[in-house]
C-alpha atoms as a PDB file:
ATOM      1  CA  UNK A   1       0.000   0.000   0.000  1.00  0.00           C
ATOM      2  CA  UNK A   2       2.706   2.479   1.041  1.00  0.00           C
ATOM      3  CA  UNK A   3       4.703   1.759  -2.130  1.00  0.00           C
ATOM      4  CA  UNK A   4       1.724   2.751  -4.267  1.00  0.00           C
ATOM      5  CA  UNK A   5       1.409   6.003  -2.343  1.00  0.00           C
ATOM      6  CA  UNK A   6       5.130   6.696  -2.747  1.00  0.00           C
ATOM      7  CA  UNK A   7       5.038   6.047  -6.500  1.00  0.00           C
ATOM      8  CA  UNK A   8       2.084   8.378  -6.887  1.00  0.00           C
ATOM      9  CA  UNK A   9       3.838  11.143  -4.972  1.00  0.00           C
ATOM     10  CA  UNK A  10       7.080  10.870  -6.903  1.00  0.00           C
ATOM     11  CA  UNK A  11       5.315  10.655 -10.271  1.00  0.00           C
ATOM     12  CA  UNK A  12       3.230  13.743  -9.530  1.00  0.00           C
ATOM     13  CA  UNK A  13       6.218  15.717  -8.220  1.00  0.00           C
ATOM     14  CA  UNK A  14       8.304  14.869 -11.306  1.00  0.00           C
ATOM     15  CA  UNK A  15       5.507  15.972 -13.634  1.00  0.00           C
ATOM     16  CA  UNK A  16       4.989  19.196 -11.678  1.00  0.00           C
ATOM     17  CA  UNK A  17       8.719  19.963 -11.717  1.00  0.00           C
ATOM     18  CA  UNK A  18       8.889  19.395 -15.481  1.00  0.00           C
ATOM     19  CA  UNK A  19       5.917  21.668 -16.060  1.00  0.00           C
ATOM     20  CA  UNK A  20       7.436  24.480 -13.981  1.00  0.00           C
ATOM     21  CA  UNK A  21      10.831  24.070 -15.663  1.00  0.00           C
ATOM     22  CA  UNK A  22       9.229  24.256 -19.115  1.00  0.00           C
ATOM     23  CA  UNK A  23       7.437  27.481 -18.233  1.00  0.00           C
ATOM     24  CA  UNK A  24      10.562  29.080 -16.751  1.00  0.00           C
ATOM     25  CA  UNK A  25      12.731  28.166 -19.735  1.00  0.00           C
ATOM     26  CA  UNK A  26      10.278  28.933 -22.519  1.00  0.00           C
ATOM     27  CA  UNK A  27       8.085  31.572 -20.862  1.00  0.00           C
ATOM     28  CA  UNK A  28       9.598  34.386 -22.938  1.00  0.00           C
ATOM     29  CA  UNK A  29       8.548  32.927 -26.285  1.00  0.00           C
ATOM     30  CA  UNK A  30       5.269  33.735 -27.978  1.00  0.00           C
ATOM     31  CA  UNK A  31       4.244  30.086 -27.988  1.00  0.00           C
ATOM     32  CA  UNK A  32       4.763  29.784 -24.235  1.00  0.00           C
ATOM     33  CA  UNK A  33       2.976  33.075 -23.696  1.00  0.00           C
ATOM     34  CA  UNK A  34      -0.110  31.692 -25.378  1.00  0.00           C
ATOM     35  CA  UNK A  35       0.019  28.544 -23.235  1.00  0.00           C
ATOM     36  CA  UNK A  36       0.325  30.608 -20.048  1.00  0.00           C
ATOM     37  CA  UNK A  37      -2.646  32.690 -21.057  1.00  0.00           C
ATOM     38  CA  UNK A  38      -4.818  29.586 -21.161  1.00  0.00           C
ATOM     39  CA  UNK A  39      -3.809  28.672 -17.601  1.00  0.00           C
ATOM     40  CA  UNK A  40      -4.463  31.929 -15.870  1.00  0.00           C
ATOM     41  CA  UNK A  41      -3.010  35.026 -17.407  1.00  0.00           C
ATOM     42  CA  UNK A  42       0.716  35.532 -16.797  1.00  0.00           C
ATOM     43  CA  UNK A  43       4.046  33.805 -16.422  1.00  0.00           C
ATOM     44  CA  UNK A  44       4.038  34.720 -12.729  1.00  0.00           C
ATOM     45  CA  UNK A  45       0.659  33.102 -12.067  1.00  0.00           C
ATOM     46  CA  UNK A  46       1.720  30.016 -14.020  1.00  0.00           C
ATOM     47  CA  UNK A  47       4.821  29.516 -11.878  1.00  0.00           C
ATOM     48  CA  UNK A  48       2.991  30.148  -8.615  1.00  0.00           C
ATOM     49  CA  UNK A  49       1.882  27.016  -6.771  1.00  0.00           C
ATOM     50  CA  UNK A  50      -1.686  27.325  -5.480  1.00  0.00           C
ATOM     51  CA  UNK A  51      -2.366  25.447  -2.252  1.00  0.00           C
ATOM     52  CA  UNK A  52      -5.756  25.113  -0.558  1.00  0.00           C
ATOM     53  CA  UNK A  53      -5.805  23.876   3.055  1.00  0.00           C
ATOM     54  CA  UNK A  54      -9.077  22.406   4.357  1.00  0.00           C
ATOM     55  CA  UNK A  55      -9.490  21.328   7.969  1.00  0.00           C
ATOM     56  CA  UNK A  56     -10.243  22.392  11.509  1.00  0.00           C
ATOM     57  CA  UNK A  57      -8.324  23.901  14.436  1.00  0.00           C
ATOM     58  CA  UNK A  58      -5.324  21.645  13.750  1.00  0.00           C
ATOM     59  CA  UNK A  59      -5.008  23.559  10.472  1.00  0.00           C
ATOM     60  CA  UNK A  60      -5.848  27.089  11.576  1.00  0.00           C
ATOM     61  CA  UNK A  61      -4.176  27.293  15.016  1.00  0.00           C
ATOM     62  CA  UNK A  62      -1.287  29.782  15.246  1.00  0.00           C
ATOM     63  CA  UNK A  63      -1.966  30.787  11.631  1.00  0.00           C
ATOM     64  CA  UNK A  64      -0.283  27.665  10.300  1.00  0.00           C
ATOM     65  CA  UNK A  65      -1.257  28.572   6.698  1.00  0.00           C
ATOM     66  CA  UNK A  66       0.646  31.841   7.143  1.00  0.00           C
ATOM     67  CA  UNK A  67       3.653  29.932   8.465  1.00  0.00           C
ATOM     68  CA  UNK A  68       3.580  27.694   5.393  1.00  0.00           C
ATOM     69  CA  UNK A  69       3.466  30.757   3.151  1.00  0.00           C
ATOM     70  CA  UNK A  70       6.497  32.291   4.886  1.00  0.00           C
ATOM     71  CA  UNK A  71       8.466  29.034   4.683  1.00  0.00           C
ATOM     72  CA  UNK A  72       7.765  28.659   0.958  1.00  0.00           C
ATOM     73  CA  UNK A  73       8.554  32.296   0.154  1.00  0.00           C
ATOM     74  CA  UNK A  74      11.805  32.255   2.120  1.00  0.00           C
ATOM     75  CA  UNK A  75      12.897  29.163   0.167  1.00  0.00           C
ATOM     76  CA  UNK A  76      12.246  30.875  -3.150  1.00  0.00           C
ATOM     77  CA  UNK A  77       8.987  29.075  -3.917  1.00  0.00           C
ATOM     78  CA  UNK A  78       6.138  31.286  -5.144  1.00  0.00           C
ATOM     79  CA  UNK A  79       2.895  30.186  -3.530  1.00  0.00           C
ATOM     80  CA  UNK A  80      -0.640  31.271  -2.902  1.00  0.00           C
ATOM     81  CA  UNK A  81      -1.870  29.610   0.284  1.00  0.00           C
ATOM     82  CA  UNK A  82      -5.606  29.724   1.010  1.00  0.00           C
ATOM     83  CA  UNK A  83      -7.362  28.005   3.888  1.00  0.00           C
ATOM     84  CA  UNK A  84     -10.889  27.057   4.852  1.00  0.00           C
ATOM     85  CA  UNK A  85     -10.830  25.861   8.451  1.00  0.00           C
ATOM     86  CA  UNK A  86     -13.319  25.745  11.284  1.00  0.00           C
ATOM     87  CA  UNK A  87     -12.889  24.383  14.796  1.00  0.00           C
ATOM     88  CA  UNK A  88     -14.416  20.918  15.308  1.00  0.00           C
ATOM     89  CA  UNK A  89     -15.219  20.553  11.612  1.00  0.00           C
ATOM     90  CA  UNK A  90     -14.907  17.182   9.906  1.00  0.00           C
ATOM     91  CA  UNK A  91     -14.292  16.567   6.217  1.00  0.00           C
ATOM     92  CA  UNK A  92     -17.943  15.609   5.856  1.00  0.00           C
ATOM     93  CA  UNK A  93     -18.834  19.236   6.668  1.00  0.00           C
ATOM     94  CA  UNK A  94     -16.710  20.382   3.729  1.00  0.00           C
ATOM     95  CA  UNK A  95     -17.909  17.587   1.448  1.00  0.00           C
ATOM     96  CA  UNK A  96     -21.597  18.354   2.002  1.00  0.00           C
ATOM     97  CA  UNK A  97     -23.430  20.275  -0.705  1.00  0.00           C
ATOM     98  CA  UNK A  98     -25.768  21.859   1.857  1.00  0.00           C
ATOM     99  CA  UNK A  99     -23.407  23.324   4.476  1.00  0.00           C
ATOM    100  CA  UNK A 100     -21.887  26.808   4.258  1.00  0.00           C
ATOM    101  CA  UNK A 101     -18.426  25.219   4.476  1.00  0.00           C
ATOM    102  CA  UNK A 102     -19.187  22.841   1.632  1.00  0.00           C
ATOM    103  CA  UNK A 103     -20.517  25.628  -0.545  1.00  0.00           C
ATOM    104  CA  UNK A 104     -17.479  27.799   0.164  1.00  0.00           C
ATOM    105  CA  UNK A 105     -15.050  25.009  -0.734  1.00  0.00           C
ATOM    106  CA  UNK A 106     -16.848  24.298  -3.999  1.00  0.00           C
ATOM    107  CA  UNK A 107     -16.821  27.982  -4.929  1.00  0.00           C
ATOM    108  CA  UNK A 108     -13.074  28.154  -4.321  1.00  0.00           C
ATOM    109  CA  UNK A 109     -12.362  24.981  -6.295  1.00  0.00           C
ATOM    110  CA  UNK A 110     -14.438  26.197  -9.232  1.00  0.00           C
ATOM    111  CA  UNK A 111     -13.011  29.728  -9.164  1.00  0.00           C
ATOM    112  CA  UNK A 112      -9.457  28.878 -10.265  1.00  0.00           C
ATOM    113  CA  UNK A 113      -6.908  26.179 -10.897  1.00  0.00           C
ATOM    114  CA  UNK A 114      -5.139  24.659  -7.881  1.00  0.00           C
ATOM    115  CA  UNK A 115      -2.006  22.550  -7.560  1.00  0.00           C
ATOM    116  CA  UNK A 116      -2.583  20.924  -4.160  1.00  0.00           C
ATOM    117  CA  UNK A 117      -5.606  20.610  -1.908  1.00  0.00           C
ATOM    118  CA  UNK A 118      -4.631  19.466   1.588  1.00  0.00           C
ATOM    119  CA  UNK A 119      -7.371  17.725   3.595  1.00  0.00           C
ATOM    120  CA  UNK A 120      -7.258  17.331   7.389  1.00  0.00           C
ATOM    121  CA  UNK A 121      -9.783  15.164   9.201  1.00  0.00           C
ATOM    122  CA  UNK A 122     -10.870  15.283  12.862  1.00  0.00           C
ATOM    123  CA  UNK A 123      -8.176  13.633  14.935  1.00  0.00           C
ATOM    124  CA  UNK A 124     -10.270  10.701  16.202  1.00  0.00           C
ATOM    125  CA  UNK A 125     -11.972   9.728  12.937  1.00  0.00           C
ATOM    126  CA  UNK A 126      -9.160   7.271  12.079  1.00  0.00           C
ATOM    127  CA  UNK A 127     -10.325   5.348  15.145  1.00  0.00           C
ATOM    128  CA  UNK A 128     -14.069   5.627  14.741  1.00  0.00           C
ATOM    129  CA  UNK A 129     -15.078   6.708  11.225  1.00  0.00           C
ATOM    130  CA  UNK A 130     -12.597   5.594   8.566  1.00  0.00           C
ATOM    131  CA  UNK A 131     -15.429   4.833   6.138  1.00  0.00           C
ATOM    132  CA  UNK A 132     -16.868   8.324   6.614  1.00  0.00           C
ATOM    133  CA  UNK A 133     -13.407   9.827   6.113  1.00  0.00           C
ATOM    134  CA  UNK A 134     -12.978   7.911   2.856  1.00  0.00           C
ATOM    135  CA  UNK A 135     -16.454   8.871   1.687  1.00  0.00           C
ATOM    136  CA  UNK A 136     -15.734  12.569   2.335  1.00  0.00           C
ATOM    137  CA  UNK A 137     -12.385  12.516   0.530  1.00  0.00           C
ATOM    138  CA  UNK A 138     -13.985  10.831  -2.483  1.00  0.00           C
ATOM    139  CA  UNK A 139     -16.813  13.388  -2.527  1.00  0.00           C
ATOM    140  CA  UNK A 140     -14.323  16.264  -2.547  1.00  0.00           C
ATOM    141  CA  UNK A 141     -11.934  14.643  -4.979  1.00  0.00           C
ATOM    142  CA  UNK A 142     -14.046  15.074  -8.088  1.00  0.00           C
ATOM    143  CA  UNK A 143     -13.995  18.838  -7.516  1.00  0.00           C
ATOM    144  CA  UNK A 144     -10.303  18.786  -6.623  1.00  0.00           C
ATOM    145  CA  UNK A 145      -9.390  16.941  -9.812  1.00  0.00           C
ATOM    146  CA  UNK A 146     -11.595  19.227 -11.913  1.00  0.00           C
ATOM    147  CA  UNK A 147      -9.569  22.134 -10.500  1.00  0.00           C
ATOM    148  CA  UNK A 148      -6.371  20.475 -11.741  1.00  0.00           C
ATOM    149  CA  UNK A 149      -5.100  19.690  -8.251  1.00  0.00           C
ATOM    150  CA  UNK A 150      -3.598  16.734  -6.437  1.00  0.00           C
ATOM    151  CA  UNK A 151      -5.219  15.618  -3.182  1.00  0.00           C
ATOM    152  CA  UNK A 152      -2.942  15.552  -0.130  1.00  0.00           C
ATOM    153  CA  UNK A 153      -3.920  14.174   3.276  1.00  0.00           C
ATOM    154  CA  UNK A 154      -2.615  15.961   6.385  1.00  0.00           C
ATOM    155  CA  UNK A 155      -1.942  13.069   8.774  1.00  0.00           C
ATOM    156  CA  UNK A 156      -2.559  14.297  12.316  1.00  0.00           C
ATOM    157  CA  UNK A 157      -0.923  13.297  15.617  1.00  0.00           C
ATOM    158  CA  UNK A 158      -2.176  11.282  18.571  1.00  0.00           C
ATOM    159  CA  UNK A 159      -3.284  13.268  21.634  1.00  0.00           C
ATOM    160  CA  UNK A 160      -0.969  13.202  24.631  1.00  0.00           C
ATOM    161  CA  UNK A 161      -1.405  10.778  27.492  1.00  0.00           C
ATOM    162  CA  UNK A 162      -4.232  11.896  29.778  1.00  0.00           C
ATOM    163  CA  UNK A 163      -6.474  13.159  26.964  1.00  0.00           C
ATOM    164  CA  UNK A 164     -10.123  12.111  27.294  1.00  0.00           C
ATOM    165  CA  UNK A 165      -9.870   9.970  24.127  1.00  0.00           C
ATOM    166  CA  UNK A 166      -7.948   7.308  26.007  1.00  0.00           C
ATOM    167  CA  UNK A 167     -10.921   6.784  28.305  1.00  0.00           C
ATOM    168  CA  UNK A 168     -13.586   7.313  25.653  1.00  0.00           C
ATOM    169  CA  UNK A 169     -11.962   4.925  23.167  1.00  0.00           C
ATOM    170  CA  UNK A 170     -10.235   2.578  25.598  1.00  0.00           C
ATOM    171  CA  UNK A 171     -11.522  -0.453  23.685  1.00  0.00           C
ATOM    172  CA  UNK A 172      -9.786   0.844  20.555  1.00  0.00           C
ATOM    173  CA  UNK A 173      -6.473   2.223  21.855  1.00  0.00           C
ATOM    174  CA  UNK A 174      -4.478   1.784  25.036  1.00  0.00           C
ATOM    175  CA  UNK A 175      -1.433   3.965  24.350  1.00  0.00           C
ATOM    176  CA  UNK A 176      -0.304   6.970  22.342  1.00  0.00           C
ATOM    177  CA  UNK A 177       1.933   4.789  20.187  1.00  0.00           C
ATOM    178  CA  UNK A 178      -1.008   2.567  19.285  1.00  0.00           C
ATOM    179  CA  UNK A 179      -3.165   5.632  18.587  1.00  0.00           C
ATOM    180  CA  UNK A 180      -0.560   7.028  16.159  1.00  0.00           C
ATOM    181  CA  UNK A 181      -0.258   3.686  14.392  1.00  0.00           C
ATOM    182  CA  UNK A 182      -4.004   3.650  13.771  1.00  0.00           C
ATOM    183  CA  UNK A 183      -3.995   7.243  12.553  1.00  0.00           C
ATOM    184  CA  UNK A 184      -1.100   6.485  10.191  1.00  0.00           C
ATOM    185  CA  UNK A 185      -2.690   3.346   8.809  1.00  0.00           C
ATOM    186  CA  UNK A 186      -6.057   5.057   8.324  1.00  0.00           C
ATOM    187  CA  UNK A 187      -4.515   7.895   6.321  1.00  0.00           C
ATOM    188  CA  UNK A 188      -2.518   5.424   4.246  1.00  0.00           C
ATOM    189  CA  UNK A 189      -5.639   3.356   3.605  1.00  0.00           C
ATOM    190  CA  UNK A 190      -7.632   6.380   2.415  1.00  0.00           C
ATOM    191  CA  UNK A 191      -4.671   7.587   0.322  1.00  0.00           C
ATOM    192  CA  UNK A 192      -4.355   4.173  -1.294  1.00  0.00           C
ATOM    193  CA  UNK A 193      -8.048   4.176  -2.202  1.00  0.00           C
ATOM    194  CA  UNK A 194      -7.943   7.708  -3.639  1.00  0.00           C
ATOM    195  CA  UNK A 195      -4.390   7.982  -5.044  1.00  0.00           C
ATOM    196  CA  UNK A 196      -3.695  10.860  -2.645  1.00  0.00           C
ATOM    197  CA  UNK A 197      -0.448  12.063  -1.072  1.00  0.00           C
ATOM    198  CA  UNK A 198       0.091  11.458   2.641  1.00  0.00           C
ATOM    199  CA  UNK A 199       1.783  14.297   4.546  1.00  0.00           C
ATOM    200  CA  UNK A 200       3.245  12.604   7.665  1.00  0.00           C
ATOM    201  CA  UNK A 201       2.738  15.412  10.205  1.00  0.00           C
ATOM    202  CA  UNK A 202       1.746  12.966  12.951  1.00  0.00           C
ATOM    203  CA  UNK A 203       4.961  10.986  12.476  1.00  0.00           C
ATOM    204  CA  UNK A 204       6.975  14.214  12.589  1.00  0.00           C
ATOM    205  CA  UNK A 205       5.347  15.032  15.954  1.00  0.00           C
ATOM    206  CA  UNK A 206       6.115  11.565  17.258  1.00  0.00           C
ATOM    207  CA  UNK A 207       9.733  11.697  16.146  1.00  0.00           C
ATOM    208  CA  UNK A 208      10.270  15.235  17.427  1.00  0.00           C
ATOM    209  CA  UNK A 209       8.990  14.374  20.889  1.00  0.00           C
ATOM    210  CA  UNK A 210      11.197  11.295  21.041  1.00  0.00           C
ATOM    211  CA  UNK A 211      14.224  13.250  19.889  1.00  0.00           C
ATOM    212  CA  UNK A 212      13.888  16.285  22.161  1.00  0.00           C
ATOM    213  CA  UNK A 213      11.967  16.646  25.410  1.00  0.00           C
ATOM    214  CA  UNK A 214      12.527  20.411  25.256  1.00  0.00           C
ATOM    215  CA  UNK A 215      10.282  20.850  22.220  1.00  0.00           C
ATOM    216  CA  UNK A 216       6.743  21.685  23.316  1.00  0.00           C
ATOM    217  CA  UNK A 217       4.461  20.752  20.425  1.00  0.00           C
ATOM    218  CA  UNK A 218       1.090  20.168  22.066  1.00  0.00           C
ATOM    219  CA  UNK A 219      -0.857  22.613  24.235  1.00  0.00           C
ATOM    220  CA  UNK A 220      -2.060  22.030  27.790  1.00  0.00           C
ATOM    221  CA  UNK A 221      -5.324  20.566  26.467  1.00  0.00           C
ATOM    222  CA  UNK A 222      -3.188  17.615  25.281  1.00  0.00           C
ATOM    223  CA  UNK A 223      -4.535  17.915  21.750  1.00  0.00           C
ATOM    224  CA  UNK A 224      -4.035  21.225  19.935  1.00  0.00           C
ATOM    225  CA  UNK A 225      -0.684  22.381  18.575  1.00  0.00           C
ATOM    226  CA  UNK A 226       1.493  25.006  20.187  1.00  0.00           C
ATOM    227  CA  UNK A 227       3.233  27.525  17.960  1.00  0.00           C
ATOM    228  CA  UNK A 228       6.120  25.059  17.577  1.00  0.00           C
ATOM    229  CA  UNK A 229       3.649  22.307  16.727  1.00  0.00           C
ATOM    230  CA  UNK A 230       2.017  24.374  13.998  1.00  0.00           C
ATOM    231  CA  UNK A 231       5.447  25.301  12.654  1.00  0.00           C
ATOM    232  CA  UNK A 232       6.415  21.623  12.494  1.00  0.00           C
ATOM    233  CA  UNK A 233       3.192  20.907  10.583  1.00  0.00           C
ATOM    234  CA  UNK A 234       3.975  23.714   8.113  1.00  0.00           C
ATOM    235  CA  UNK A 235       7.551  22.476   7.617  1.00  0.00           C
ATOM    236  CA  UNK A 236       6.303  18.946   6.991  1.00  0.00           C
ATOM    237  CA  UNK A 237       3.729  20.107   4.463  1.00  0.00           C
ATOM    238  CA  UNK A 238       6.400  22.078   2.624  1.00  0.00           C
ATOM    239  CA  UNK A 239       8.860  19.149   2.651  1.00  0.00           C
ATOM    240  CA  UNK A 240       6.240  16.638   1.487  1.00  0.00           C
ATOM    241  CA  UNK A 241       4.718  18.732  -1.300  1.00  0.00           C
ATOM    242  CA  UNK A 242       7.929  20.133  -2.755  1.00  0.00           C
ATOM    243  CA  UNK A 243      10.397  17.364  -1.863  1.00  0.00           C
ATOM    244  CA  UNK A 244      12.699  20.102  -0.576  1.00  0.00           C
ATOM    245  CA  UNK A 245      14.348  20.608   2.792  1.00  0.00           C
ATOM    246  CA  UNK A 246      12.877  23.420   4.921  1.00  0.00           C
ATOM    247  CA  UNK A 247      16.249  23.855   6.653  1.00  0.00           C
ATOM    248  CA  UNK A 248      17.190  27.522   6.493  1.00  0.00           C
ATOM    249  CA  UNK A 249      13.607  28.691   5.938  1.00  0.00           C
ATOM    250  CA  UNK A 250      11.864  31.531   7.750  1.00  0.00           C
ATOM    251  CA  UNK A 251      11.297  30.776  11.431  1.00  0.00           C
ATOM    252  CA  UNK A 252       7.841  32.404  11.191  1.00  0.00           C
ATOM    253  CA  UNK A 253       8.110  33.753  14.731  1.00  0.00           C
ATOM    254  CA  UNK A 254       9.437  30.547  16.322  1.00  0.00           C
ATOM    255  CA  UNK A 255      12.683  30.733  18.298  1.00  0.00           C
ATOM    256  CA  UNK A 256      15.632  30.150  15.990  1.00  0.00           C
ATOM    257  CA  UNK A 257      17.072  27.066  17.734  1.00  0.00           C
ATOM    258  CA  UNK A 258      13.666  25.384  17.979  1.00  0.00           C
ATOM    259  CA  UNK A 259      12.858  26.236  14.357  1.00  0.00           C
ATOM    260  CA  UNK A 260      16.123  24.701  13.182  1.00  0.00           C
ATOM    261  CA  UNK A 261      15.393  21.459  15.055  1.00  0.00           C
ATOM    262  CA  UNK A 262      11.871  21.285  13.666  1.00  0.00           C
ATOM    263  CA  UNK A 263      13.063  21.948  10.123  1.00  0.00           C
ATOM    264  CA  UNK A 264      15.582  19.108  10.370  1.00  0.00           C
ATOM    265  CA  UNK A 265      13.085  16.690  11.914  1.00  0.00           C
ATOM    266  CA  UNK A 266      10.381  17.363   9.309  1.00  0.00           C
ATOM    267  CA  UNK A 267      12.831  16.814   6.462  1.00  0.00           C
ATOM    268  CA  UNK A 268      14.237  13.632   7.999  1.00  0.00           C
ATOM    269  CA  UNK A 269      10.744  12.194   8.494  1.00  0.00           C
ATOM    270  CA  UNK A 270       9.596  13.102   4.984  1.00  0.00           C
ATOM    271  CA  UNK A 271      12.722  11.672   3.375  1.00  0.00           C
ATOM    272  CA  UNK A 272      12.213   8.421   5.249  1.00  0.00           C
ATOM    273  CA  UNK A 273       8.478   8.306   4.588  1.00  0.00           C
ATOM    274  CA  UNK A 274       8.378   9.511   0.991  1.00  0.00           C
ATOM    275  CA  UNK A 275      11.807   8.235  -0.010  1.00  0.00           C
ATOM    276  CA  UNK A 276      12.758   5.154  -1.957  1.00  0.00           C
ATOM    277  CA  UNK A 277      12.054   2.755   0.909  1.00  0.00           C
ATOM    278  CA  UNK A 278       8.485   1.923   1.943  1.00  0.00           C
ATOM    279  CA  UNK A 279       6.586   4.064   4.435  1.00  0.00           C
ATOM    280  CA  UNK A 280       5.181   2.902   7.752  1.00  0.00           C
ATOM    281  CA  UNK A 281       7.534  -0.078   8.174  1.00  0.00           C
ATOM    282  CA  UNK A 282      10.383   2.343   8.834  1.00  0.00           C
ATOM    283  CA  UNK A 283       8.597   3.770  11.841  1.00  0.00           C
ATOM    284  CA  UNK A 284       6.992   0.680  13.374  1.00  0.00           C
END
């Protein structure tokens, strides 16, 4: 399963890189100018990567979309980052034709061409509602593909020990490690069924907390990200989508030493997860 996901990621990234290279090299010719006009109007818009983030508080906390924008810009990557996020929302809220969130997402997807649409599900759905998660991704995917974009799944992290989930879902999980395994496998399952990219944010959290006890990634509620946690998510999204190291990128307001650690961890995790070797087996 993981190998199929990896092949899809690498194939899409190679095609995207070739397209951008073609535009940069031939953008000054009349023929290329005509091709750019069909896409959206100018050489600049054609070389800008359009990213739409859809999710809940795990996406919007600490202005994570803004952090991603700063990281990309500081690394020389032109991007337009747009987000539609609401606390406690699930992907079914965005997939519905009748909700205000669903209508807004459809308007955005129909309004322009996109390169990536990143979907983030409620953190406990991988335990309780995998079928609903898959159904929602499939419902959104027809609109995503019509907008010329690739679907990417923002894998979340397991809550810290002491969170109410461990009592509420005690028949399903008994430890944080087990919780993360189930999250990881659920995202991989949905990605395999939909040919989507998996962005291993949850694995980056897990590895960061094993590597350094000084990094505070999760807030006192044992669930939501701190500023460092949101920055790690942004670094991981950048590394996964562009196959580029975020090392040396903007710190986006995070302390320099912490930012450097998080940049290195996100890149290491992505290289291991989306590299030549298979995915989850390297972590468990």
